Amino acid sequence: WDTLPRIYSISLQIVKGNFLIIAMGLAVSLFVCFRRNLKGCFMLSFLLCSFLATVPGTVYNHYFAQIAPAVSLAGGWAVALCLSMIRDRMLRRGAALLIAATIVAAPIWAHSGYYYKQSRLEFSRSFFGGNPFPESEDLADFLAERTSKEDSIFIMGSEAQIFLLSQRQSSSSFALIYPLMSEYPRYQEFQRKVWEEVKSGRPKYIIIVRIPVSLLWDGKADLWIIRKTKQLTDKAYFLEAVMTINKSKGDLRVFSEDDQALRQSAQHHFPILIFRRNS
């Protein structure tokens, strides 16, 4: 019941952008099913089961991609069935063009920000919220300039895109740390494995991401790995830069050697901290 508002909101956005094909697929499937046609029963069952497989548990936008095959098949079948009932060839062609144009135009109108109104950075911030995807480009450039391909990086967060953009390897086998942040049966084993990899790999940079969506801590798991990482950065690393999270794109701030006081205060105020190994 707690997820119903989210299910409704996401479903509404999908219907807005695909109204015609969804409406035709449902209506024709229902109509043909009531006439005891096996194809209609199959289409209706496929749509229903796809939806039911999508909504249990935590509901994210991308979960609804599971419905796309059923909607495409039912909608395409419905359109073909309706067009086959038009006997006049010219009228059938005109109807086909009108339906095709509507199917194409509807999502462009409903999601105009994605298609032409917003820049890629504006859309990323509006769609992904606090995830630091817009900031990752500057972070990756910063790391690529200051490291070689032999150097590794450890990210206390789930920002694997930074490895991809910087072309640098992770010192840990967990590019996403979600399995370390919830009380899964083996989460403590995973934490110990990551810690051993970080100790032996001696990453040149450690990035600590203090953004809830990058950690997804369940409020129960022991945060031993975060404490150990903090001890390591205090002992063998210095804070070289921080990153803000702004409306469209964050600001990368690099400290000079004389900014010791600023470094200490920055550790409590910025969402992304970039630590460099002392030697």
C-alpha atoms as a PDB file:
ATOM      1  CA  TRP A   1       0.000   0.000   0.000  1.00  0.00           C
ATOM      2  CA  ASP A   2       2.883   2.373   0.679  1.00  0.00           C
ATOM      3  CA  THR A   3       3.993   2.166  -2.956  1.00  0.00           C
ATOM      4  CA  LEU A   4       0.565   2.835  -4.508  1.00  0.00           C
ATOM      5  CA  PRO A   5       1.130   6.619  -4.943  1.00  0.00           C
ATOM      6  CA  ARG A   6       4.442   5.900  -6.691  1.00  0.00           C
ATOM      7  CA  ILE A   7       2.873   3.220  -8.898  1.00  0.00           C
ATOM      8  CA  TYR A   8       0.106   5.654  -9.838  1.00  0.00           C
ATOM      9  CA  SER A   9       2.549   8.474 -10.633  1.00  0.00           C
ATOM     10  CA  ILE A  10       4.801   6.342 -12.841  1.00  0.00           C
ATOM     11  CA  SER A  11       1.859   4.655 -14.571  1.00  0.00           C
ATOM     12  CA  LEU A  12       0.315   8.043 -15.304  1.00  0.00           C
ATOM     13  CA  GLN A  13       3.517   9.242 -16.995  1.00  0.00           C
ATOM     14  CA  ILE A  14       3.670   6.072 -19.094  1.00  0.00           C
ATOM     15  CA  VAL A  15       0.018   6.387 -20.138  1.00  0.00           C
ATOM     16  CA  LYS A  16       0.496  10.068 -21.057  1.00  0.00           C
ATOM     17  CA  GLY A  17       3.276   9.231 -23.474  1.00  0.00           C
ATOM     18  CA  ASN A  18       1.723   6.065 -24.908  1.00  0.00           C
ATOM     19  CA  PHE A  19      -2.006   6.652 -24.570  1.00  0.00           C
ATOM     20  CA  LEU A  20      -3.162   5.464 -27.991  1.00  0.00           C
ATOM     21  CA  ILE A  21      -1.251   2.197 -28.166  1.00  0.00           C
ATOM     22  CA  ILE A  22      -2.088   1.298 -24.539  1.00  0.00           C
ATOM     23  CA  ALA A  23      -5.779   2.177 -24.962  1.00  0.00           C
ATOM     24  CA  MET A  24      -6.087   0.245 -28.220  1.00  0.00           C
ATOM     25  CA  GLY A  25      -4.219  -2.754 -26.831  1.00  0.00           C
ATOM     26  CA  LEU A  26      -6.435  -2.927 -23.730  1.00  0.00           C
ATOM     27  CA  ALA A  27      -9.726  -2.180 -25.469  1.00  0.00           C
ATOM     28  CA  VAL A  28      -9.277  -4.589 -28.362  1.00  0.00           C
ATOM     29  CA  SER A  29      -7.891  -7.338 -26.105  1.00  0.00           C
ATOM     30  CA  LEU A  30     -10.872  -6.983 -23.757  1.00  0.00           C
ATOM     31  CA  PHE A  31     -13.357  -6.948 -26.611  1.00  0.00           C
ATOM     32  CA  VAL A  32     -11.861  -9.977 -28.357  1.00  0.00           C
ATOM     33  CA  CYS A  33     -11.415 -11.823 -25.055  1.00  0.00           C
ATOM     34  CA  PHE A  34     -15.101 -11.428 -24.237  1.00  0.00           C
ATOM     35  CA  ARG A  35     -15.805 -12.997 -27.610  1.00  0.00           C
ATOM     36  CA  ARG A  36     -13.778 -16.000 -26.432  1.00  0.00           C
ATOM     37  CA  ASN A  37     -10.912 -15.453 -28.800  1.00  0.00           C
ATOM     38  CA  LEU A  38      -7.718 -17.075 -27.497  1.00  0.00           C
ATOM     39  CA  LYS A  39      -5.499 -14.312 -28.898  1.00  0.00           C
ATOM     40  CA  GLY A  40      -7.418 -11.690 -26.949  1.00  0.00           C
ATOM     41  CA  CYS A  41      -7.193 -13.764 -23.756  1.00  0.00           C
ATOM     42  CA  PHE A  42      -3.462 -14.193 -24.267  1.00  0.00           C
ATOM     43  CA  MET A  43      -2.886 -10.460 -24.865  1.00  0.00           C
ATOM     44  CA  LEU A  44      -4.920  -9.496 -21.806  1.00  0.00           C
ATOM     45  CA  SER A  45      -3.129 -12.067 -19.630  1.00  0.00           C
ATOM     46  CA  PHE A  46       0.270 -10.939 -20.928  1.00  0.00           C
ATOM     47  CA  LEU A  47      -0.520  -7.299 -20.060  1.00  0.00           C
ATOM     48  CA  LEU A  48      -1.873  -8.161 -16.611  1.00  0.00           C
ATOM     49  CA  CYS A  49       0.946 -10.540 -15.655  1.00  0.00           C
ATOM     50  CA  SER A  50       3.607  -8.093 -16.874  1.00  0.00           C
ATOM     51  CA  PHE A  51       2.105  -5.371 -14.685  1.00  0.00           C
ATOM     52  CA  LEU A  52       1.815  -7.659 -11.658  1.00  0.00           C
ATOM     53  CA  ALA A  53       5.437  -8.730 -12.078  1.00  0.00           C
ATOM     54  CA  THR A  54       6.536  -5.093 -12.055  1.00  0.00           C
ATOM     55  CA  VAL A  55       4.906  -3.571  -8.977  1.00  0.00           C
ATOM     56  CA  PRO A  56       5.845  -5.739  -5.942  1.00  0.00           C
ATOM     57  CA  GLY A  57       8.434  -4.373  -3.545  1.00  0.00           C
ATOM     58  CA  THR A  58      10.294  -1.106  -4.109  1.00  0.00           C
ATOM     59  CA  VAL A  59       8.994   0.425  -7.325  1.00  0.00           C
ATOM     60  CA  TYR A  60      11.502   2.226  -9.545  1.00  0.00           C
ATOM     61  CA  ASN A  61      10.876   3.837 -12.919  1.00  0.00           C
ATOM     62  CA  HIS A  62      12.995   1.345 -14.847  1.00  0.00           C
ATOM     63  CA  TYR A  63      11.038  -1.616 -13.439  1.00  0.00           C
ATOM     64  CA  PHE A  64       8.200  -0.644 -15.772  1.00  0.00           C
ATOM     65  CA  ALA A  65      10.335  -1.545 -18.797  1.00  0.00           C
ATOM     66  CA  GLN A  66       9.085  -5.086 -18.135  1.00  0.00           C
ATOM     67  CA  ILE A  67       5.661  -3.999 -19.407  1.00  0.00           C
ATOM     68  CA  ALA A  68       6.994  -2.734 -22.745  1.00  0.00           C
ATOM     69  CA  PRO A  69       6.941  -6.101 -24.614  1.00  0.00           C
ATOM     70  CA  ALA A  70       3.306  -6.755 -23.624  1.00  0.00           C
ATOM     71  CA  VAL A  71       2.193  -3.214 -24.504  1.00  0.00           C
ATOM     72  CA  SER A  72       4.032  -3.340 -27.846  1.00  0.00           C
ATOM     73  CA  LEU A  73       2.607  -6.710 -28.807  1.00  0.00           C
ATOM     74  CA  ALA A  74      -0.962  -5.968 -27.693  1.00  0.00           C
ATOM     75  CA  GLY A  75      -0.945  -2.479 -29.188  1.00  0.00           C
ATOM     76  CA  GLY A  76       0.541  -3.548 -32.501  1.00  0.00           C
ATOM     77  CA  TRP A  77      -1.865  -6.448 -32.768  1.00  0.00           C
ATOM     78  CA  ALA A  78      -4.803  -4.172 -31.952  1.00  0.00           C
ATOM     79  CA  VAL A  79      -3.780  -1.597 -34.558  1.00  0.00           C
ATOM     80  CA  ALA A  80      -3.358  -4.294 -37.227  1.00  0.00           C
ATOM     81  CA  LEU A  81      -6.725  -5.825 -36.347  1.00  0.00           C
ATOM     82  CA  CYS A  82      -8.529  -2.478 -36.519  1.00  0.00           C
ATOM     83  CA  LEU A  83      -6.890  -1.533 -39.818  1.00  0.00           C
ATOM     84  CA  SER A  84      -7.794  -4.893 -41.348  1.00  0.00           C
ATOM     85  CA  MET A  85     -11.458  -4.046 -40.811  1.00  0.00           C
ATOM     86  CA  ILE A  86     -11.213  -0.994 -43.115  1.00  0.00           C
ATOM     87  CA  ARG A  87     -11.986  -2.218 -46.618  1.00  0.00           C
ATOM     88  CA  ASP A  88     -11.078   0.906 -48.588  1.00  0.00           C
ATOM     89  CA  ARG A  89      -7.343   0.848 -49.332  1.00  0.00           C
ATOM     90  CA  MET A  90      -6.807   4.644 -49.351  1.00  0.00           C
ATOM     91  CA  LEU A  91      -8.795   5.064 -46.145  1.00  0.00           C
ATOM     92  CA  ARG A  92      -6.814   2.264 -44.524  1.00  0.00           C
ATOM     93  CA  ARG A  93      -3.528   3.914 -45.489  1.00  0.00           C
ATOM     94  CA  GLY A  94      -4.710   7.260 -44.175  1.00  0.00           C
ATOM     95  CA  ALA A  95      -5.786   5.699 -40.880  1.00  0.00           C
ATOM     96  CA  ALA A  96      -2.442   3.897 -40.584  1.00  0.00           C
ATOM     97  CA  LEU A  97      -0.527   7.159 -41.104  1.00  0.00           C
ATOM     98  CA  LEU A  98      -2.714   8.997 -38.570  1.00  0.00           C
ATOM     99  CA  ILE A  99      -2.236   6.275 -35.945  1.00  0.00           C
ATOM    100  CA  ALA A 100       1.513   6.149 -36.563  1.00  0.00           C
ATOM    101  CA  ALA A 101       1.806   9.937 -36.278  1.00  0.00           C
ATOM    102  CA  THR A 102      -0.164   9.937 -33.017  1.00  0.00           C
ATOM    103  CA  ILE A 103       1.948   7.141 -31.550  1.00  0.00           C
ATOM    104  CA  VAL A 104       5.139   9.086 -32.376  1.00  0.00           C
ATOM    105  CA  ALA A 105       3.851  12.534 -31.361  1.00  0.00           C
ATOM    106  CA  ALA A 106       2.352  11.561 -27.991  1.00  0.00           C
ATOM    107  CA  PRO A 107       5.623  10.769 -26.164  1.00  0.00           C
ATOM    108  CA  ILE A 108       7.369  13.774 -27.722  1.00  0.00           C
ATOM    109  CA  TRP A 109       4.623  16.018 -26.351  1.00  0.00           C
ATOM    110  CA  ALA A 110       4.381  14.296 -22.957  1.00  0.00           C
ATOM    111  CA  HIS A 111       8.148  14.209 -22.419  1.00  0.00           C
ATOM    112  CA  SER A 112       9.160  17.416 -24.165  1.00  0.00           C
ATOM    113  CA  GLY A 113      11.837  18.072 -21.552  1.00  0.00           C
ATOM    114  CA  TYR A 114      13.626  14.894 -22.547  1.00  0.00           C
ATOM    115  CA  TYR A 115      13.283  15.340 -26.302  1.00  0.00           C
ATOM    116  CA  TYR A 116      14.006  19.014 -26.876  1.00  0.00           C
ATOM    117  CA  LYS A 117      13.374  21.440 -23.991  1.00  0.00           C
ATOM    118  CA  GLN A 118      16.038  20.442 -21.464  1.00  0.00           C
ATOM    119  CA  SER A 119      19.771  20.026 -21.863  1.00  0.00           C
ATOM    120  CA  ARG A 120      21.189  16.613 -21.032  1.00  0.00           C
ATOM    121  CA  LEU A 121      22.431  17.896 -17.657  1.00  0.00           C
ATOM    122  CA  GLU A 122      19.077  19.492 -16.793  1.00  0.00           C
ATOM    123  CA  PHE A 123      17.244  16.320 -17.705  1.00  0.00           C
ATOM    124  CA  SER A 124      19.664  14.158 -15.711  1.00  0.00           C
ATOM    125  CA  ARG A 125      19.087  16.267 -12.597  1.00  0.00           C
ATOM    126  CA  SER A 126      15.305  16.362 -13.008  1.00  0.00           C
ATOM    127  CA  PHE A 127      15.012  12.639 -13.751  1.00  0.00           C
ATOM    128  CA  PHE A 128      17.651  11.155 -11.432  1.00  0.00           C
ATOM    129  CA  GLY A 129      17.377  13.722  -8.639  1.00  0.00           C
ATOM    130  CA  GLY A 130      20.334  13.688  -6.264  1.00  0.00           C
ATOM    131  CA  ASN A 131      22.366  11.088  -8.156  1.00  0.00           C
ATOM    132  CA  PRO A 132      25.615  12.873  -9.112  1.00  0.00           C
ATOM    133  CA  PHE A 133      25.559  11.985 -12.802  1.00  0.00           C
ATOM    134  CA  PRO A 134      26.082  15.590 -14.030  1.00  0.00           C
ATOM    135  CA  GLU A 135      28.975  15.947 -11.573  1.00  0.00           C
ATOM    136  CA  SER A 136      30.619  12.713 -12.705  1.00  0.00           C
ATOM    137  CA  GLU A 137      32.047  14.236 -15.882  1.00  0.00           C
ATOM    138  CA  ASP A 138      34.141  16.806 -13.998  1.00  0.00           C
ATOM    139  CA  LEU A 139      35.089  14.246 -11.361  1.00  0.00           C
ATOM    140  CA  ALA A 140      36.234  11.820 -14.047  1.00  0.00           C
ATOM    141  CA  ASP A 141      38.287  14.493 -15.848  1.00  0.00           C
ATOM    142  CA  PHE A 142      39.878  15.494 -12.538  1.00  0.00           C
ATOM    143  CA  LEU A 143      40.875  11.901 -11.758  1.00  0.00           C
ATOM    144  CA  ALA A 144      42.091  11.137 -15.290  1.00  0.00           C
ATOM    145  CA  GLU A 145      44.413  14.162 -15.230  1.00  0.00           C
ATOM    146  CA  ARG A 146      45.977  13.177 -11.900  1.00  0.00           C
ATOM    147  CA  THR A 147      46.307   9.423 -12.333  1.00  0.00           C
ATOM    148  CA  SER A 148      47.750   6.932 -14.775  1.00  0.00           C
ATOM    149  CA  LYS A 149      46.033   3.861 -16.140  1.00  0.00           C
ATOM    150  CA  GLU A 150      47.946   1.776 -13.584  1.00  0.00           C
ATOM    151  CA  ASP A 151      46.383   3.682 -10.671  1.00  0.00           C
ATOM    152  CA  SER A 152      43.169   2.505  -9.065  1.00  0.00           C
ATOM    153  CA  ILE A 153      40.350   4.400  -7.358  1.00  0.00           C
ATOM    154  CA  PHE A 154      38.055   3.432  -4.525  1.00  0.00           C
ATOM    155  CA  ILE A 155      34.590   4.985  -4.357  1.00  0.00           C
ATOM    156  CA  MET A 156      32.634   4.685  -1.128  1.00  0.00           C
ATOM    157  CA  GLY A 157      29.395   5.012  -3.031  1.00  0.00           C
ATOM    158  CA  SER A 158      27.671   3.504  -6.052  1.00  0.00           C
ATOM    159  CA  GLU A 159      28.934   5.753  -8.838  1.00  0.00           C
ATOM    160  CA  ALA A 160      30.375   3.242 -11.299  1.00  0.00           C
ATOM    161  CA  GLN A 161      30.009   5.781 -14.120  1.00  0.00           C
ATOM    162  CA  ILE A 162      33.083   7.597 -12.761  1.00  0.00           C
ATOM    163  CA  PHE A 163      35.243   4.547 -13.494  1.00  0.00           C
ATOM    164  CA  LEU A 164      33.867   4.379 -17.021  1.00  0.00           C
ATOM    165  CA  LEU A 165      34.293   8.084 -17.766  1.00  0.00           C
ATOM    166  CA  SER A 166      37.788   8.343 -16.258  1.00  0.00           C
ATOM    167  CA  GLN A 167      38.961   5.020 -17.742  1.00  0.00           C
ATOM    168  CA  ARG A 168      40.362   4.043 -14.354  1.00  0.00           C
ATOM    169  CA  GLN A 169      39.926   0.777 -12.487  1.00  0.00           C
ATOM    170  CA  SER A 170      38.171   0.234  -9.196  1.00  0.00           C
ATOM    171  CA  SER A 171      40.376  -1.031  -6.379  1.00  0.00           C
ATOM    172  CA  SER A 172      37.347  -3.006  -5.195  1.00  0.00           C
ATOM    173  CA  SER A 173      35.416  -5.744  -6.967  1.00  0.00           C
ATOM    174  CA  PHE A 174      32.234  -3.955  -5.836  1.00  0.00           C
ATOM    175  CA  ALA A 175      31.722  -1.030  -8.194  1.00  0.00           C
ATOM    176  CA  LEU A 176      28.338  -0.563  -6.481  1.00  0.00           C
ATOM    177  CA  ILE A 177      28.334  -0.818  -2.696  1.00  0.00           C
ATOM    178  CA  TYR A 178      24.618  -1.492  -2.223  1.00  0.00           C
ATOM    179  CA  PRO A 179      25.309  -5.135  -1.203  1.00  0.00           C
ATOM    180  CA  LEU A 180      27.439  -3.766   1.664  1.00  0.00           C
ATOM    181  CA  MET A 181      24.837  -1.382   3.040  1.00  0.00           C
ATOM    182  CA  SER A 182      21.902  -3.655   3.878  1.00  0.00           C
ATOM    183  CA  GLU A 183      21.539  -6.696   6.119  1.00  0.00           C
ATOM    184  CA  TYR A 184      21.940  -9.240   3.368  1.00  0.00           C
ATOM    185  CA  PRO A 185      23.175 -12.645   4.660  1.00  0.00           C
ATOM    186  CA  ARG A 186      26.744 -12.021   3.395  1.00  0.00           C
ATOM    187  CA  TYR A 187      27.036  -8.248   3.674  1.00  0.00           C
ATOM    188  CA  GLN A 188      29.714  -8.406   6.414  1.00  0.00           C
ATOM    189  CA  GLU A 189      31.725 -10.843   4.308  1.00  0.00           C
ATOM    190  CA  PHE A 190      31.473  -8.386   1.414  1.00  0.00           C
ATOM    191  CA  GLN A 191      32.646  -5.525   3.631  1.00  0.00           C
ATOM    192  CA  ARG A 192      35.700  -7.489   4.756  1.00  0.00           C
ATOM    193  CA  LYS A 193      36.486  -8.424   1.148  1.00  0.00           C
ATOM    194  CA  VAL A 194      36.323  -4.778   0.048  1.00  0.00           C
ATOM    195  CA  TRP A 195      38.534  -3.708   2.930  1.00  0.00           C
ATOM    196  CA  GLU A 196      41.194  -6.288   2.074  1.00  0.00           C
ATOM    197  CA  GLU A 197      41.107  -5.209  -1.573  1.00  0.00           C
ATOM    198  CA  VAL A 198      41.488  -1.542  -0.643  1.00  0.00           C
ATOM    199  CA  LYS A 199      44.368  -2.235   1.738  1.00  0.00           C
ATOM    200  CA  SER A 200      46.273  -4.319  -0.811  1.00  0.00           C
ATOM    201  CA  GLY A 201      45.384  -2.156  -3.814  1.00  0.00           C
ATOM    202  CA  ARG A 202      46.382   1.153  -2.178  1.00  0.00           C
ATOM    203  CA  PRO A 203      44.140   3.293  -4.396  1.00  0.00           C
ATOM    204  CA  LYS A 204      45.602   6.641  -5.359  1.00  0.00           C
ATOM    205  CA  TYR A 205      42.239   8.291  -4.730  1.00  0.00           C
ATOM    206  CA  ILE A 206      39.391   7.510  -2.374  1.00  0.00           C
ATOM    207  CA  ILE A 207      36.075   9.207  -3.092  1.00  0.00           C
ATOM    208  CA  ILE A 208      33.510   9.292  -0.315  1.00  0.00           C
ATOM    209  CA  VAL A 209      29.971   9.976  -1.544  1.00  0.00           C
ATOM    210  CA  ARG A 210      27.681  11.106   1.268  1.00  0.00           C
ATOM    211  CA  ILE A 211      24.456  10.979  -0.714  1.00  0.00           C
ATOM    212  CA  PRO A 212      21.702   8.629   0.540  1.00  0.00           C
ATOM    213  CA  VAL A 213      20.788   7.294  -2.925  1.00  0.00           C
ATOM    214  CA  SER A 214      24.428   6.378  -3.532  1.00  0.00           C
ATOM    215  CA  LEU A 215      24.601   4.297  -0.345  1.00  0.00           C
ATOM    216  CA  LEU A 216      21.052   3.032   0.261  1.00  0.00           C
ATOM    217  CA  TRP A 217      21.844   2.135   3.869  1.00  0.00           C
ATOM    218  CA  ASP A 218      18.914   0.253   5.366  1.00  0.00           C
ATOM    219  CA  GLY A 219      19.462   1.747   8.826  1.00  0.00           C
ATOM    220  CA  LYS A 220      20.382  -1.666  10.258  1.00  0.00           C
ATOM    221  CA  ALA A 221      23.605  -2.868   8.644  1.00  0.00           C
ATOM    222  CA  ASP A 222      26.838  -2.285  10.546  1.00  0.00           C
ATOM    223  CA  LEU A 223      28.798   0.516   8.853  1.00  0.00           C
ATOM    224  CA  TRP A 224      32.143  -1.047   9.668  1.00  0.00           C
ATOM    225  CA  ILE A 225      33.509  -0.486   6.161  1.00  0.00           C
ATOM    226  CA  ILE A 226      32.753   3.241   6.347  1.00  0.00           C
ATOM    227  CA  ARG A 227      34.528   3.532   9.701  1.00  0.00           C
ATOM    228  CA  LYS A 228      37.566   1.671   8.367  1.00  0.00           C
ATOM    229  CA  THR A 229      37.657   3.865   5.272  1.00  0.00           C
ATOM    230  CA  LYS A 230      37.498   6.977   7.450  1.00  0.00           C
ATOM    231  CA  GLN A 231      40.419   5.696   9.543  1.00  0.00           C
ATOM    232  CA  LEU A 232      42.405   5.059   6.369  1.00  0.00           C
ATOM    233  CA  THR A 233      41.782   8.512   4.898  1.00  0.00           C
ATOM    234  CA  ASP A 234      42.675  10.164   8.221  1.00  0.00           C
ATOM    235  CA  LYS A 235      45.954   8.241   8.365  1.00  0.00           C
ATOM    236  CA  ALA A 236      47.233   7.989   4.801  1.00  0.00           C
ATOM    237  CA  TYR A 237      45.267  10.469   2.653  1.00  0.00           C
ATOM    238  CA  PHE A 238      44.541  14.187   2.450  1.00  0.00           C
ATOM    239  CA  LEU A 239      41.426  15.956   1.204  1.00  0.00           C
ATOM    240  CA  GLU A 240      42.371  17.389  -2.178  1.00  0.00           C
ATOM    241  CA  ALA A 241      38.961  18.442  -3.503  1.00  0.00           C
ATOM    242  CA  VAL A 242      35.226  18.438  -2.864  1.00  0.00           C
ATOM    243  CA  MET A 243      32.183  18.474  -5.107  1.00  0.00           C
ATOM    244  CA  THR A 244      28.912  20.281  -4.559  1.00  0.00           C
ATOM    245  CA  ILE A 245      25.525  19.113  -5.844  1.00  0.00           C
ATOM    246  CA  ASN A 246      23.744  22.055  -7.414  1.00  0.00           C
ATOM    247  CA  LYS A 247      20.514  22.373  -9.384  1.00  0.00           C
ATOM    248  CA  SER A 248      21.926  21.555 -12.819  1.00  0.00           C
ATOM    249  CA  LYS A 249      25.578  20.708 -12.198  1.00  0.00           C
ATOM    250  CA  GLY A 250      27.816  20.704  -9.153  1.00  0.00           C
ATOM    251  CA  ASP A 251      31.013  22.658  -8.633  1.00  0.00           C
ATOM    252  CA  LEU A 252      34.393  20.939  -8.172  1.00  0.00           C
ATOM    253  CA  ARG A 253      36.525  22.816  -5.627  1.00  0.00           C
ATOM    254  CA  VAL A 254      40.229  21.975  -5.363  1.00  0.00           C
ATOM    255  CA  PHE A 255      42.127  23.019  -2.227  1.00  0.00           C
ATOM    256  CA  SER A 256      45.576  24.523  -2.253  1.00  0.00           C
ATOM    257  CA  GLU A 257      48.337  23.269   0.051  1.00  0.00           C
ATOM    258  CA  ASP A 258      47.693  26.128   2.506  1.00  0.00           C
ATOM    259  CA  ASP A 259      43.972  25.420   2.903  1.00  0.00           C
ATOM    260  CA  GLN A 260      44.277  23.042   5.861  1.00  0.00           C
ATOM    261  CA  ALA A 261      41.571  24.778   7.892  1.00  0.00           C
ATOM    262  CA  LEU A 262      39.221  24.793   4.908  1.00  0.00           C
ATOM    263  CA  ARG A 263      39.875  21.088   4.344  1.00  0.00           C
ATOM    264  CA  GLN A 264      38.906  20.201   7.889  1.00  0.00           C
ATOM    265  CA  SER A 265      35.663  22.167   7.795  1.00  0.00           C
ATOM    266  CA  ALA A 266      34.826  20.920   4.274  1.00  0.00           C
ATOM    267  CA  GLN A 267      34.644  17.314   5.481  1.00  0.00           C
ATOM    268  CA  HIS A 268      31.429  18.158   7.315  1.00  0.00           C
ATOM    269  CA  HIS A 269      29.691  20.250   4.652  1.00  0.00           C
ATOM    270  CA  PHE A 270      30.149  18.730   1.197  1.00  0.00           C
ATOM    271  CA  PRO A 271      28.392  15.661  -0.251  1.00  0.00           C
ATOM    272  CA  ILE A 272      31.403  14.338  -2.225  1.00  0.00           C
ATOM    273  CA  LEU A 273      34.919  14.234  -0.803  1.00  0.00           C
ATOM    274  CA  ILE A 274      38.005  13.432  -2.928  1.00  0.00           C
ATOM    275  CA  PHE A 275      40.989  12.133  -0.961  1.00  0.00           C
ATOM    276  CA  ARG A 276      44.481  11.635  -2.411  1.00  0.00           C
ATOM    277  CA  ARG A 277      47.070   9.219  -1.058  1.00  0.00           C
ATOM    278  CA  ASN A 278      49.948  10.947   0.723  1.00  0.00           C
ATOM    279  CA  SER A 279      52.645   9.051  -1.159  1.00  0.00           C
END
